[in-house]
Every structure is written in structure tokens, then in C-alpha cells.
Amino acid sequence: MIVELLTINILKFFTRESRGGELLVKIRLTRMGALKKPFYRIIVADAKARRDGPFIEIIGTYDPKKEPSEINLKLDRAEYWVSQGAQPTDRVKRLIEKVKA
């Protein structure tokens, strides 16, 4: 209950009235790990925030170096954010499709 209220307030904060209420929230990857050993978090963040900058919520991880690639995703949270208007990047869309399959 409290999380949903905070989420609604965060979405209102990131809504730009001058653009007709268009949401500025994205679901994207942020890089973690050492040099030449990438590991990614799947996050929900403000579209204007830098790649490794502040975020709203971590909804999963992606490790491309493991064979096969390891994807851990809270699918219910991803679907929730998409229903609230968050736009997943192309790579995140493909990862969500892999998890659903």
C-alpha cells in the first residue's frame, strides 16, 4: 500500500505537464561489474538521468557473460511499471520477452 502511494507520487513528479502529461520514466540497464566483466541491473529510472545515475527501483539483473546468459527479473514489477507508462528500452524489451518464453 505504502509502496504504491510512493510510486504514484514518484510518477507524478516525473510527469511533464508541458508535454501533455507524458511520462519520463524508462526501464533500462545500468552497468555494474569490473573492467571487461560486465554485469547489468535492470532498473526503472528517470529518462533524463545518466546511465549509472539515480534510479527509482531495481527490478532485475542480467549477466551476459554466463553461458547461457542469466536473466533474473521481477516480471510482475516490470509489467506494473509498463502499465504505469514506463518505456522499456529495446534491449530490455527483448529480455522481458525471453523471460516470458
PDB file of N, CA and C in Angstrom:
ATOM      1  N   MET A   1       0.829  -1.191   0.000  1.00  0.00           N
ATOM      2  CA  MET A   1       0.000   0.000   0.000  1.00  0.00           C
ATOM      3  C   MET A   1       0.875   1.258   0.000  1.00  0.00           C
ATOM      4  N   ILE A   2       1.827   1.315   0.937  1.00  0.00           N
ATOM      5  CA  ILE A   2       2.694   2.484   1.036  1.00  0.00           C
ATOM      6  C   ILE A   2       3.580   2.583  -0.201  1.00  0.00           C
ATOM      7  N   VAL A   3       4.064   1.427  -0.693  1.00  0.00           N
ATOM      8  CA  VAL A   3       4.916   1.417  -1.884  1.00  0.00           C
ATOM      9  C   VAL A   3       4.163   1.964  -3.084  1.00  0.00           C
ATOM     10  N   GLU A   4       2.896   1.572  -3.234  1.00  0.00           N
ATOM     11  CA  GLU A   4       2.102   2.055  -4.365  1.00  0.00           C
ATOM     12  C   GLU A   4       1.858   3.553  -4.271  1.00  0.00           C
ATOM     13  N   LEU A   5       1.623   4.065  -3.056  1.00  0.00           N
ATOM     14  CA  LEU A   5       1.441   5.509  -2.896  1.00  0.00           C
ATOM     15  C   LEU A   5       2.718   6.264  -3.245  1.00  0.00           C
ATOM     16  N   LEU A   6       3.865   5.739  -2.807  1.00  0.00           N
ATOM     17  CA  LEU A   6       5.133   6.367  -3.163  1.00  0.00           C
ATOM     18  C   LEU A   6       5.365   6.320  -4.664  1.00  0.00           C
ATOM     19  N   THR A   7       5.008   5.189  -5.278  1.00  0.00           N
ATOM     20  CA  THR A   7       5.163   5.047  -6.723  1.00  0.00           C
ATOM     21  C   THR A   7       4.321   6.069  -7.465  1.00  0.00           C
ATOM     22  N   ILE A   8       3.091   6.256  -7.040  1.00  0.00           N
ATOM     23  CA  ILE A   8       2.207   7.232  -7.681  1.00  0.00           C
ATOM     24  C   ILE A   8       2.788   8.628  -7.540  1.00  0.00           C
ATOM     25  N   ASN A   9       3.304   8.956  -6.356  1.00  0.00           N
ATOM     26  CA  ASN A   9       3.906  10.275  -6.155  1.00  0.00           C
ATOM     27  C   ASN A   9       5.150  10.454  -7.010  1.00  0.00           C
ATOM     28  N   ILE A  10       5.957   9.414  -7.145  1.00  0.00           N
ATOM     29  CA  ILE A  10       7.148   9.491  -7.985  1.00  0.00           C
ATOM     30  C   ILE A  10       6.749   9.709  -9.442  1.00  0.00           C
ATOM     31  N   LEU A  11       5.728   8.982  -9.916  1.00  0.00           N
ATOM     32  CA  LEU A  11       5.278   9.149 -11.291  1.00  0.00           C
ATOM     33  C   LEU A  11       4.745  10.551 -11.534  1.00  0.00           C
ATOM     34  N   LYS A  12       4.031  11.111 -10.565  1.00  0.00           N
ATOM     35  CA  LYS A  12       3.544  12.483 -10.710  1.00  0.00           C
ATOM     36  C   LYS A  12       4.713  13.455 -10.798  1.00  0.00           C
ATOM     37  N   PHE A  13       5.773  13.187 -10.008  1.00  0.00           N
ATOM     38  CA  PHE A  13       6.945  14.049 -10.022  1.00  0.00           C
ATOM     39  C   PHE A  13       7.626  14.028 -11.388  1.00  0.00           C
ATOM     40  N   PHE A  14       7.691  12.838 -12.028  1.00  0.00           N
ATOM     41  CA  PHE A  14       8.378  12.705 -13.303  1.00  0.00           C
ATOM     42  C   PHE A  14       7.474  12.967 -14.503  1.00  0.00           C
ATOM     43  N   THR A  15       6.257  13.426 -14.282  1.00  0.00           N
ATOM     44  CA  THR A  15       5.348  13.756 -15.366  1.00  0.00           C
ATOM     45  C   THR A  15       5.562  15.210 -15.765  1.00  0.00           C
ATOM     46  N   ARG A  16       5.640  15.445 -17.039  1.00  0.00           N
ATOM     47  CA  ARG A  16       5.881  16.797 -17.517  1.00  0.00           C
ATOM     48  C   ARG A  16       4.561  17.359 -18.046  1.00  0.00           C
ATOM     49  N   GLU A  17       4.001  18.322 -17.339  1.00  0.00           N
ATOM     50  CA  GLU A  17       2.708  18.896 -17.713  1.00  0.00           C
ATOM     51  C   GLU A  17       2.771  19.608 -19.060  1.00  0.00           C
ATOM     52  N   SER A  18       3.894  20.216 -19.377  1.00  0.00           N
ATOM     53  CA  SER A  18       4.010  20.963 -20.624  1.00  0.00           C
ATOM     54  C   SER A  18       3.935  20.060 -21.855  1.00  0.00           C
ATOM     55  N   ARG A  19       4.176  18.748 -21.677  1.00  0.00           N
ATOM     56  CA  ARG A  19       4.100  17.813 -22.799  1.00  0.00           C
ATOM     57  C   ARG A  19       2.809  17.012 -22.759  1.00  0.00           C
ATOM     58  N   GLY A  20       1.798  17.535 -22.117  1.00  0.00           N
ATOM     59  CA  GLY A  20       0.524  16.839 -22.069  1.00  0.00           C
ATOM     60  C   GLY A  20       0.538  15.641 -21.131  1.00  0.00           C
ATOM     61  N   GLY A  21       1.364  15.669 -20.099  1.00  0.00           N
ATOM     62  CA  GLY A  21       1.398  14.587 -19.125  1.00  0.00           C
ATOM     63  C   GLY A  21       2.206  13.385 -19.557  1.00  0.00           C
ATOM     64  N   GLU A  22       3.109  13.531 -20.517  1.00  0.00           N
ATOM     65  CA  GLU A  22       3.938  12.413 -20.973  1.00  0.00           C
ATOM     66  C   GLU A  22       4.894  11.984 -19.868  1.00  0.00           C
ATOM     67  N   LEU A  23       4.961  10.676 -19.625  1.00  0.00           N
ATOM     68  CA  LEU A  23       5.844  10.163 -18.576  1.00  0.00           C
ATOM     69  C   LEU A  23       7.285  10.151 -19.055  1.00  0.00           C
ATOM     70  N   LEU A  24       8.159  10.447 -18.140  1.00  0.00           N
ATOM     71  CA  LEU A  24       9.574  10.468 -18.449  1.00  0.00           C
ATOM     72  C   LEU A  24      10.308   9.384 -17.680  1.00  0.00           C
ATOM     73  N   VAL A  25       9.699   8.210 -17.581  1.00  0.00           N
ATOM     74  CA  VAL A  25      10.291   7.092 -16.856  1.00  0.00           C
ATOM     75  C   VAL A  25      10.636   5.988 -17.842  1.00  0.00           C
ATOM     76  N   LYS A  26      11.847   5.410 -17.698  1.00  0.00           N
ATOM     77  CA  LYS A  26      12.295   4.336 -18.580  1.00  0.00           C
ATOM     78  C   LYS A  26      12.711   3.124 -17.769  1.00  0.00           C
ATOM     79  N   ILE A  27      12.579   1.952 -18.389  1.00  0.00           N
ATOM     80  CA  ILE A  27      13.131   0.723 -17.836  1.00  0.00           C
ATOM     81  C   ILE A  27      14.364   0.437 -18.675  1.00  0.00           C
ATOM     82  N   ARG A  28      15.526   0.413 -18.045  1.00  0.00           N
ATOM     83  CA  ARG A  28      16.766   0.270 -18.808  1.00  0.00           C
ATOM     84  C   ARG A  28      17.820  -0.469 -18.001  1.00  0.00           C
ATOM     85  N   LEU A  29      18.981  -0.662 -18.629  1.00  0.00           N
ATOM     86  CA  LEU A  29      20.095  -1.354 -17.989  1.00  0.00           C
ATOM     87  C   LEU A  29      21.080  -0.337 -17.414  1.00  0.00           C
ATOM     88  N   THR A  30      21.677  -0.685 -16.283  1.00  0.00           N
ATOM     89  CA  THR A  30      22.777   0.099 -15.731  1.00  0.00           C
ATOM     90  C   THR A  30      23.946  -0.853 -15.525  1.00  0.00           C
ATOM     91  N   ARG A  31      25.138  -0.433 -15.928  1.00  0.00           N
ATOM     92  CA  ARG A  31      26.295  -1.337 -15.925  1.00  0.00           C
ATOM     93  C   ARG A  31      26.923  -1.437 -14.554  1.00  0.00           C
ATOM     94  N   MET A  32      27.249  -2.658 -14.185  1.00  0.00           N
ATOM     95  CA  MET A  32      27.959  -2.942 -12.945  1.00  0.00           C
ATOM     96  C   MET A  32      29.137  -3.844 -13.323  1.00  0.00           C
ATOM     97  N   GLY A  33      29.906  -4.283 -12.345  1.00  0.00           N
ATOM     98  CA  GLY A  33      30.988  -5.234 -12.611  1.00  0.00           C
ATOM     99  C   GLY A  33      32.315  -4.559 -12.883  1.00  0.00           C
ATOM    100  N   ALA A  34      33.330  -5.383 -13.009  1.00  0.00           N
ATOM    101  CA  ALA A  34      34.695  -4.905 -13.213  1.00  0.00           C
ATOM    102  C   ALA A  34      34.976  -4.679 -14.705  1.00  0.00           C
ATOM    103  N   LEU A  35      36.183  -4.226 -14.983  1.00  0.00           N
ATOM    104  CA  LEU A  35      36.622  -3.998 -16.357  1.00  0.00           C
ATOM    105  C   LEU A  35      36.556  -5.300 -17.148  1.00  0.00           C
ATOM    106  N   LYS A  36      35.909  -5.271 -18.292  1.00  0.00           N
ATOM    107  CA  LYS A  36      35.744  -6.412 -19.193  1.00  0.00           C
ATOM    108  C   LYS A  36      34.924  -7.559 -18.583  1.00  0.00           C
ATOM    109  N   LYS A  37      34.223  -7.288 -17.488  1.00  0.00           N
ATOM    110  CA  LYS A  37      33.344  -8.285 -16.861  1.00  0.00           C
ATOM    111  C   LYS A  37      32.001  -7.628 -16.570  1.00  0.00           C
ATOM    112  N   PRO A  38      31.254  -7.264 -17.616  1.00  0.00           N
ATOM    113  CA  PRO A  38      30.013  -6.516 -17.396  1.00  0.00           C
ATOM    114  C   PRO A  38      28.927  -7.358 -16.720  1.00  0.00           C
ATOM    115  N   PHE A  39      28.155  -6.684 -15.924  1.00  0.00           N
ATOM    116  CA  PHE A  39      27.014  -7.243 -15.231  1.00  0.00           C
ATOM    117  C   PHE A  39      26.018  -6.094 -15.168  1.00  0.00           C
ATOM    118  N   TYR A  40      24.777  -6.333 -15.470  1.00  0.00           N
ATOM    119  CA  TYR A  40      23.814  -5.245 -15.561  1.00  0.00           C
ATOM    120  C   TYR A  40      22.670  -5.413 -14.583  1.00  0.00           C
ATOM    121  N   ARG A  41      22.185  -4.294 -14.057  1.00  0.00           N
ATOM    122  CA  ARG A  41      20.950  -4.259 -13.304  1.00  0.00           C
ATOM    123  C   ARG A  41      19.869  -3.731 -14.236  1.00  0.00           C
ATOM    124  N   ILE A  42      18.677  -4.276 -14.127  1.00  0.00           N
ATOM    125  CA  ILE A  42      17.527  -3.757 -14.867  1.00  0.00           C
ATOM    126  C   ILE A  42      16.812  -2.822 -13.900  1.00  0.00           C
ATOM    127  N   ILE A  43      16.756  -1.549 -14.263  1.00  0.00           N
ATOM    128  CA  ILE A  43      16.238  -0.543 -13.340  1.00  0.00           C
ATOM    129  C   ILE A  43      15.115   0.273 -13.973  1.00  0.00           C
ATOM    130  N   VAL A  44      14.359   0.923 -13.116  1.00  0.00           N
ATOM    131  CA  VAL A  44      13.374   1.922 -13.523  1.00  0.00           C
ATOM    132  C   VAL A  44      13.965   3.260 -13.118  1.00  0.00           C
ATOM    133  N   ALA A  45      14.098   4.179 -14.083  1.00  0.00           N
ATOM    134  CA  ALA A  45      14.761   5.453 -13.796  1.00  0.00           C
ATOM    135  C   ALA A  45      14.144   6.576 -14.616  1.00  0.00           C
ATOM    136  N   ASP A  46      14.415   7.782 -14.172  1.00  0.00           N
ATOM    137  CA  ASP A  46      14.029   8.973 -14.914  1.00  0.00           C
ATOM    138  C   ASP A  46      14.763   8.942 -16.252  1.00  0.00           C
ATOM    139  N   ALA A  47      14.080   9.257 -17.316  1.00  0.00           N
ATOM    140  CA  ALA A  47      14.662   9.195 -18.659  1.00  0.00           C
ATOM    141  C   ALA A  47      15.841  10.151 -18.821  1.00  0.00           C
ATOM    142  N   LYS A  48      15.875  11.226 -18.037  1.00  0.00           N
ATOM    143  CA  LYS A  48      16.948  12.204 -18.166  1.00  0.00           C
ATOM    144  C   LYS A  48      18.163  11.889 -17.298  1.00  0.00           C
ATOM    145  N   ALA A  49      18.037  10.901 -16.417  1.00  0.00           N
ATOM    146  CA  ALA A  49      19.150  10.550 -15.529  1.00  0.00           C
ATOM    147  C   ALA A  49      20.243   9.833 -16.327  1.00  0.00           C
ATOM    148  N   ARG A  50      21.488   9.994 -15.894  1.00  0.00           N
ATOM    149  CA  ARG A  50      22.600   9.343 -16.586  1.00  0.00           C
ATOM    150  C   ARG A  50      22.523   7.822 -16.418  1.00  0.00           C
ATOM    151  N   ARG A  51      23.286   7.101 -17.227  1.00  0.00           N
ATOM    152  CA  ARG A  51      23.199   5.633 -17.271  1.00  0.00           C
ATOM    153  C   ARG A  51      23.399   4.986 -15.910  1.00  0.00           C
ATOM    154  N   ASP A  52      24.426   5.372 -15.192  1.00  0.00           N
ATOM    155  CA  ASP A  52      24.715   4.780 -13.888  1.00  0.00           C
ATOM    156  C   ASP A  52      24.294   5.699 -12.748  1.00  0.00           C
ATOM    157  N   GLY A  53      23.348   6.575 -13.013  1.00  0.00           N
ATOM    158  CA  GLY A  53      22.913   7.550 -12.022  1.00  0.00           C
ATOM    159  C   GLY A  53      21.779   7.050 -11.142  1.00  0.00           C
ATOM    160  N   PRO A  54      21.042   7.984 -10.557  1.00  0.00           N
ATOM    161  CA  PRO A  54      19.974   7.621  -9.628  1.00  0.00           C
ATOM    162  C   PRO A  54      18.843   6.867 -10.331  1.00  0.00           C
ATOM    163  N   PHE A  55      18.174   6.000  -9.572  1.00  0.00           N
ATOM    164  CA  PHE A  55      17.086   5.209 -10.130  1.00  0.00           C
ATOM    165  C   PHE A  55      15.954   5.118  -9.122  1.00  0.00           C
ATOM    166  N   ILE A  56      14.800   4.670  -9.589  1.00  0.00           N
ATOM    167  CA  ILE A  56      13.612   4.544  -8.747  1.00  0.00           C
ATOM    168  C   ILE A  56      13.552   3.161  -8.105  1.00  0.00           C
ATOM    169  N   GLU A  57      13.792   2.113  -8.914  1.00  0.00           N
ATOM    170  CA  GLU A  57      13.667   0.745  -8.411  1.00  0.00           C
ATOM    171  C   GLU A  57      14.530  -0.202  -9.236  1.00  0.00           C
ATOM    172  N   ILE A  58      15.111  -1.208  -8.575  1.00  0.00           N
ATOM    173  CA  ILE A  58      15.817  -2.288  -9.270  1.00  0.00           C
ATOM    174  C   ILE A  58      14.805  -3.417  -9.455  1.00  0.00           C
ATOM    175  N   ILE A  59      14.595  -3.837 -10.706  1.00  0.00           N
ATOM    176  CA  ILE A  59      13.616  -4.909 -10.941  1.00  0.00           C
ATOM    177  C   ILE A  59      14.262  -6.193 -11.448  1.00  0.00           C
ATOM    178  N   GLY A  60      15.581  -6.197 -11.619  1.00  0.00           N
ATOM    179  CA  GLY A  60      16.222  -7.435 -12.047  1.00  0.00           C
ATOM    180  C   GLY A  60      17.694  -7.271 -12.347  1.00  0.00           C
ATOM    181  N   THR A  61      18.300  -8.379 -12.805  1.00  0.00           N
ATOM    182  CA  THR A  61      19.709  -8.378 -13.195  1.00  0.00           C
ATOM    183  C   THR A  61      19.876  -9.145 -14.500  1.00  0.00           C
ATOM    184  N   TYR A  62      21.003  -8.874 -15.179  1.00  0.00           N
ATOM    185  CA  TYR A  62      21.324  -9.529 -16.447  1.00  0.00           C
ATOM    186  C   TYR A  62      22.828  -9.742 -16.497  1.00  0.00           C
ATOM    187  N   ASP A  63      23.240 -11.006 -16.666  1.00  0.00           N
ATOM    188  CA  ASP A  63      24.659 -11.349 -16.749  1.00  0.00           C
ATOM    189  C   ASP A  63      24.930 -11.982 -18.112  1.00  0.00           C
ATOM    190  N   PRO A  64      25.435 -11.189 -19.083  1.00  0.00           N
ATOM    191  CA  PRO A  64      25.658 -11.718 -20.431  1.00  0.00           C
ATOM    192  C   PRO A  64      26.869 -12.641 -20.547  1.00  0.00           C
ATOM    193  N   LYS A  65      27.763 -12.640 -19.567  1.00  0.00           N
ATOM    194  CA  LYS A  65      28.989 -13.439 -19.642  1.00  0.00           C
ATOM    195  C   LYS A  65      28.762 -14.916 -19.335  1.00  0.00           C
ATOM    196  N   LYS A  66      27.696 -15.243 -18.611  1.00  0.00           N
ATOM    197  CA  LYS A  66      27.424 -16.646 -18.316  1.00  0.00           C
ATOM    198  C   LYS A  66      26.851 -17.320 -19.557  1.00  0.00           C
ATOM    199  N   GLU A  67      27.042 -18.622 -19.657  1.00  0.00           N
ATOM    200  CA  GLU A  67      26.556 -19.360 -20.825  1.00  0.00           C
ATOM    201  C   GLU A  67      25.527 -20.379 -20.366  1.00  0.00           C
ATOM    202  N   PRO A  68      24.260 -20.283 -20.680  1.00  0.00           N
ATOM    203  CA  PRO A  68      23.599 -19.163 -21.369  1.00  0.00           C
ATOM    204  C   PRO A  68      23.453 -17.939 -20.458  1.00  0.00           C
ATOM    205  N   SER A  69      23.139 -16.803 -21.058  1.00  0.00           N
ATOM    206  CA  SER A  69      23.002 -15.564 -20.295  1.00  0.00           C
ATOM    207  C   SER A  69      22.003 -15.734 -19.163  1.00  0.00           C
ATOM    208  N   GLU A  70      22.347 -15.177 -18.009  1.00  0.00           N
ATOM    209  CA  GLU A  70      21.475 -15.291 -16.833  1.00  0.00           C
ATOM    210  C   GLU A  70      20.625 -14.030 -16.715  1.00  0.00           C
ATOM    211  N   ILE A  71      19.305 -14.219 -16.672  1.00  0.00           N
ATOM    212  CA  ILE A  71      18.369 -13.106 -16.537  1.00  0.00           C
ATOM    213  C   ILE A  71      17.494 -13.372 -15.319  1.00  0.00           C
ATOM    214  N   ASN A  72      17.549 -12.486 -14.339  1.00  0.00           N
ATOM    215  CA  ASN A  72      16.663 -12.533 -13.179  1.00  0.00           C
ATOM    216  C   ASN A  72      15.806 -11.275 -13.239  1.00  0.00           C
ATOM    217  N   LEU A  73      14.496 -11.444 -13.322  1.00  0.00           N
ATOM    218  CA  LEU A  73      13.610 -10.303 -13.495  1.00  0.00           C
ATOM    219  C   LEU A  73      12.342 -10.488 -12.682  1.00  0.00           C
ATOM    220  N   LYS A  74      11.957  -9.445 -11.962  1.00  0.00           N
ATOM    221  CA  LYS A  74      10.670  -9.442 -11.269  1.00  0.00           C
ATOM    222  C   LYS A  74       9.633  -9.056 -12.326  1.00  0.00           C
ATOM    223  N   LEU A  75       9.076 -10.063 -12.972  1.00  0.00           N
ATOM    224  CA  LEU A  75       8.176  -9.830 -14.102  1.00  0.00           C
ATOM    225  C   LEU A  75       6.942  -9.032 -13.690  1.00  0.00           C
ATOM    226  N   ASP A  76       6.428  -9.291 -12.481  1.00  0.00           N
ATOM    227  CA  ASP A  76       5.245  -8.554 -12.032  1.00  0.00           C
ATOM    228  C   ASP A  76       5.543  -7.061 -11.884  1.00  0.00           C
ATOM    229  N   ARG A  77       6.736  -6.708 -11.401  1.00  0.00           N
ATOM    230  CA  ARG A  77       7.099  -5.289 -11.272  1.00  0.00           C
ATOM    231  C   ARG A  77       7.330  -4.652 -12.638  1.00  0.00           C
ATOM    232  N   ALA A  78       7.934  -5.400 -13.561  1.00  0.00           N
ATOM    233  CA  ALA A  78       8.144  -4.875 -14.914  1.00  0.00           C
ATOM    234  C   ALA A  78       6.794  -4.584 -15.577  1.00  0.00           C
ATOM    235  N   GLU A  79       5.863  -5.517 -15.464  1.00  0.00           N
ATOM    236  CA  GLU A  79       4.533  -5.314 -16.047  1.00  0.00           C
ATOM    237  C   GLU A  79       3.813  -4.153 -15.374  1.00  0.00           C
ATOM    238  N   TYR A  80       3.996  -4.025 -14.059  1.00  0.00           N
ATOM    239  CA  TYR A  80       3.381  -2.909 -13.341  1.00  0.00           C
ATOM    240  C   TYR A  80       3.892  -1.577 -13.886  1.00  0.00           C
ATOM    241  N   TRP A  81       5.221  -1.448 -14.016  1.00  0.00           N
ATOM    242  CA  TRP A  81       5.792  -0.184 -14.489  1.00  0.00           C
ATOM    243  C   TRP A  81       5.378   0.114 -15.924  1.00  0.00           C
ATOM    244  N   VAL A  82       5.313  -0.913 -16.768  1.00  0.00           N
ATOM    245  CA  VAL A  82       4.867  -0.696 -18.149  1.00  0.00           C
ATOM    246  C   VAL A  82       3.416  -0.224 -18.145  1.00  0.00           C
ATOM    247  N   SER A  83       2.589  -0.794 -17.266  1.00  0.00           N
ATOM    248  CA  SER A  83       1.183  -0.367 -17.186  1.00  0.00           C
ATOM    249  C   SER A  83       1.060   1.068 -16.683  1.00  0.00           C
ATOM    250  N   GLN A  84       2.065   1.538 -15.924  1.00  0.00           N
ATOM    251  CA  GLN A  84       2.065   2.915 -15.433  1.00  0.00           C
ATOM    252  C   GLN A  84       2.637   3.896 -16.454  1.00  0.00           C
ATOM    253  N   GLY A  85       3.121   3.379 -17.598  1.00  0.00           N
ATOM    254  CA  GLY A  85       3.597   4.248 -18.660  1.00  0.00           C
ATOM    255  C   GLY A  85       5.099   4.278 -18.859  1.00  0.00           C
ATOM    256  N   ALA A  86       5.847   3.489 -18.095  1.00  0.00           N
ATOM    257  CA  ALA A  86       7.297   3.456 -18.275  1.00  0.00           C
ATOM    258  C   ALA A  86       7.630   2.804 -19.615  1.00  0.00           C
ATOM    259  N   GLN A  87       8.629   3.324 -20.291  1.00  0.00           N
ATOM    260  CA  GLN A  87       9.019   2.825 -21.604  1.00  0.00           C
ATOM    261  C   GLN A  87      10.283   1.973 -21.489  1.00  0.00           C
ATOM    262  N   PRO A  88      10.207   0.654 -21.764  1.00  0.00           N
ATOM    263  CA  PRO A  88      11.430  -0.158 -21.747  1.00  0.00           C
ATOM    264  C   PRO A  88      12.274   0.115 -22.994  1.00  0.00           C
ATOM    265  N   THR A  89      13.591   0.038 -22.845  1.00  0.00           N
ATOM    266  CA  THR A  89      14.483   0.182 -23.989  1.00  0.00           C
ATOM    267  C   THR A  89      14.381  -1.076 -24.849  1.00  0.00           C
ATOM    268  N   ASP A  90      14.944  -1.040 -26.047  1.00  0.00           N
ATOM    269  CA  ASP A  90      14.868  -2.186 -26.955  1.00  0.00           C
ATOM    270  C   ASP A  90      15.476  -3.434 -26.329  1.00  0.00           C
ATOM    271  N   ARG A  91      16.650  -3.305 -25.700  1.00  0.00           N
ATOM    272  CA  ARG A  91      17.310  -4.453 -25.070  1.00  0.00           C
ATOM    273  C   ARG A  91      16.452  -5.018 -23.938  1.00  0.00           C
ATOM    274  N   VAL A  92      15.876  -4.162 -23.122  1.00  0.00           N
ATOM    275  CA  VAL A  92      15.046  -4.625 -22.007  1.00  0.00           C
ATOM    276  C   VAL A  92      13.780  -5.302 -22.533  1.00  0.00           C
ATOM    277  N   LYS A  93      13.216  -4.793 -23.630  1.00  0.00           N
ATOM    278  CA  LYS A  93      12.046  -5.460 -24.236  1.00  0.00           C
ATOM    279  C   LYS A  93      12.393  -6.896 -24.613  1.00  0.00           C
ATOM    280  N   ARG A  94      13.571  -7.091 -25.216  1.00  0.00           N
ATOM    281  CA  ARG A  94      13.995  -8.446 -25.605  1.00  0.00           C
ATOM    282  C   ARG A  94      14.210  -9.334 -24.385  1.00  0.00           C
ATOM    283  N   LEU A  95      14.774  -8.774 -23.318  1.00  0.00           N
ATOM    284  CA  LEU A  95      14.995  -9.560 -22.099  1.00  0.00           C
ATOM    285  C   LEU A  95      13.661  -9.967 -21.470  1.00  0.00           C
ATOM    286  N   ILE A  96      12.691  -9.061 -21.467  1.00  0.00           N
ATOM    287  CA  ILE A  96      11.363  -9.377 -20.926  1.00  0.00           C
ATOM    288  C   ILE A  96      10.713 -10.486 -21.744  1.00  0.00           C
ATOM    289  N   GLU A  97      10.848 -10.420 -23.074  1.00  0.00           N
ATOM    290  CA  GLU A  97      10.292 -11.468 -23.933  1.00  0.00           C
ATOM    291  C   GLU A  97      10.942 -12.821 -23.660  1.00  0.00           C
ATOM    292  N   LYS A  98      12.281 -12.828 -23.418  1.00  0.00           N
ATOM    293  CA  LYS A  98      12.970 -14.090 -23.104  1.00  0.00           C
ATOM    294  C   LYS A  98      12.466 -14.684 -21.796  1.00  0.00           C
ATOM    295  N   VAL A  99      12.242 -13.841 -20.796  1.00  0.00           N
ATOM    296  CA  VAL A  99      11.766 -14.333 -19.507  1.00  0.00           C
ATOM    297  C   VAL A  99      10.353 -14.891 -19.627  1.00  0.00           C
ATOM    298  N   LYS A 100       9.508 -14.237 -20.428  1.00  0.00           N
ATOM    299  CA  LYS A 100       8.124 -14.689 -20.599  1.00  0.00           C
ATOM    300  C   LYS A 100       8.061 -16.023 -21.331  1.00  0.00           C
ATOM    301  N   ALA A 101       9.036 -16.284 -22.224  1.00  0.00           N
ATOM    302  CA  ALA A 101       9.016 -17.517 -23.035  1.00  0.00           C
ATOM    303  C   ALA A 101       9.399 -18.759 -22.258  1.00  0.00           C
TER     304      ALA A 101
END
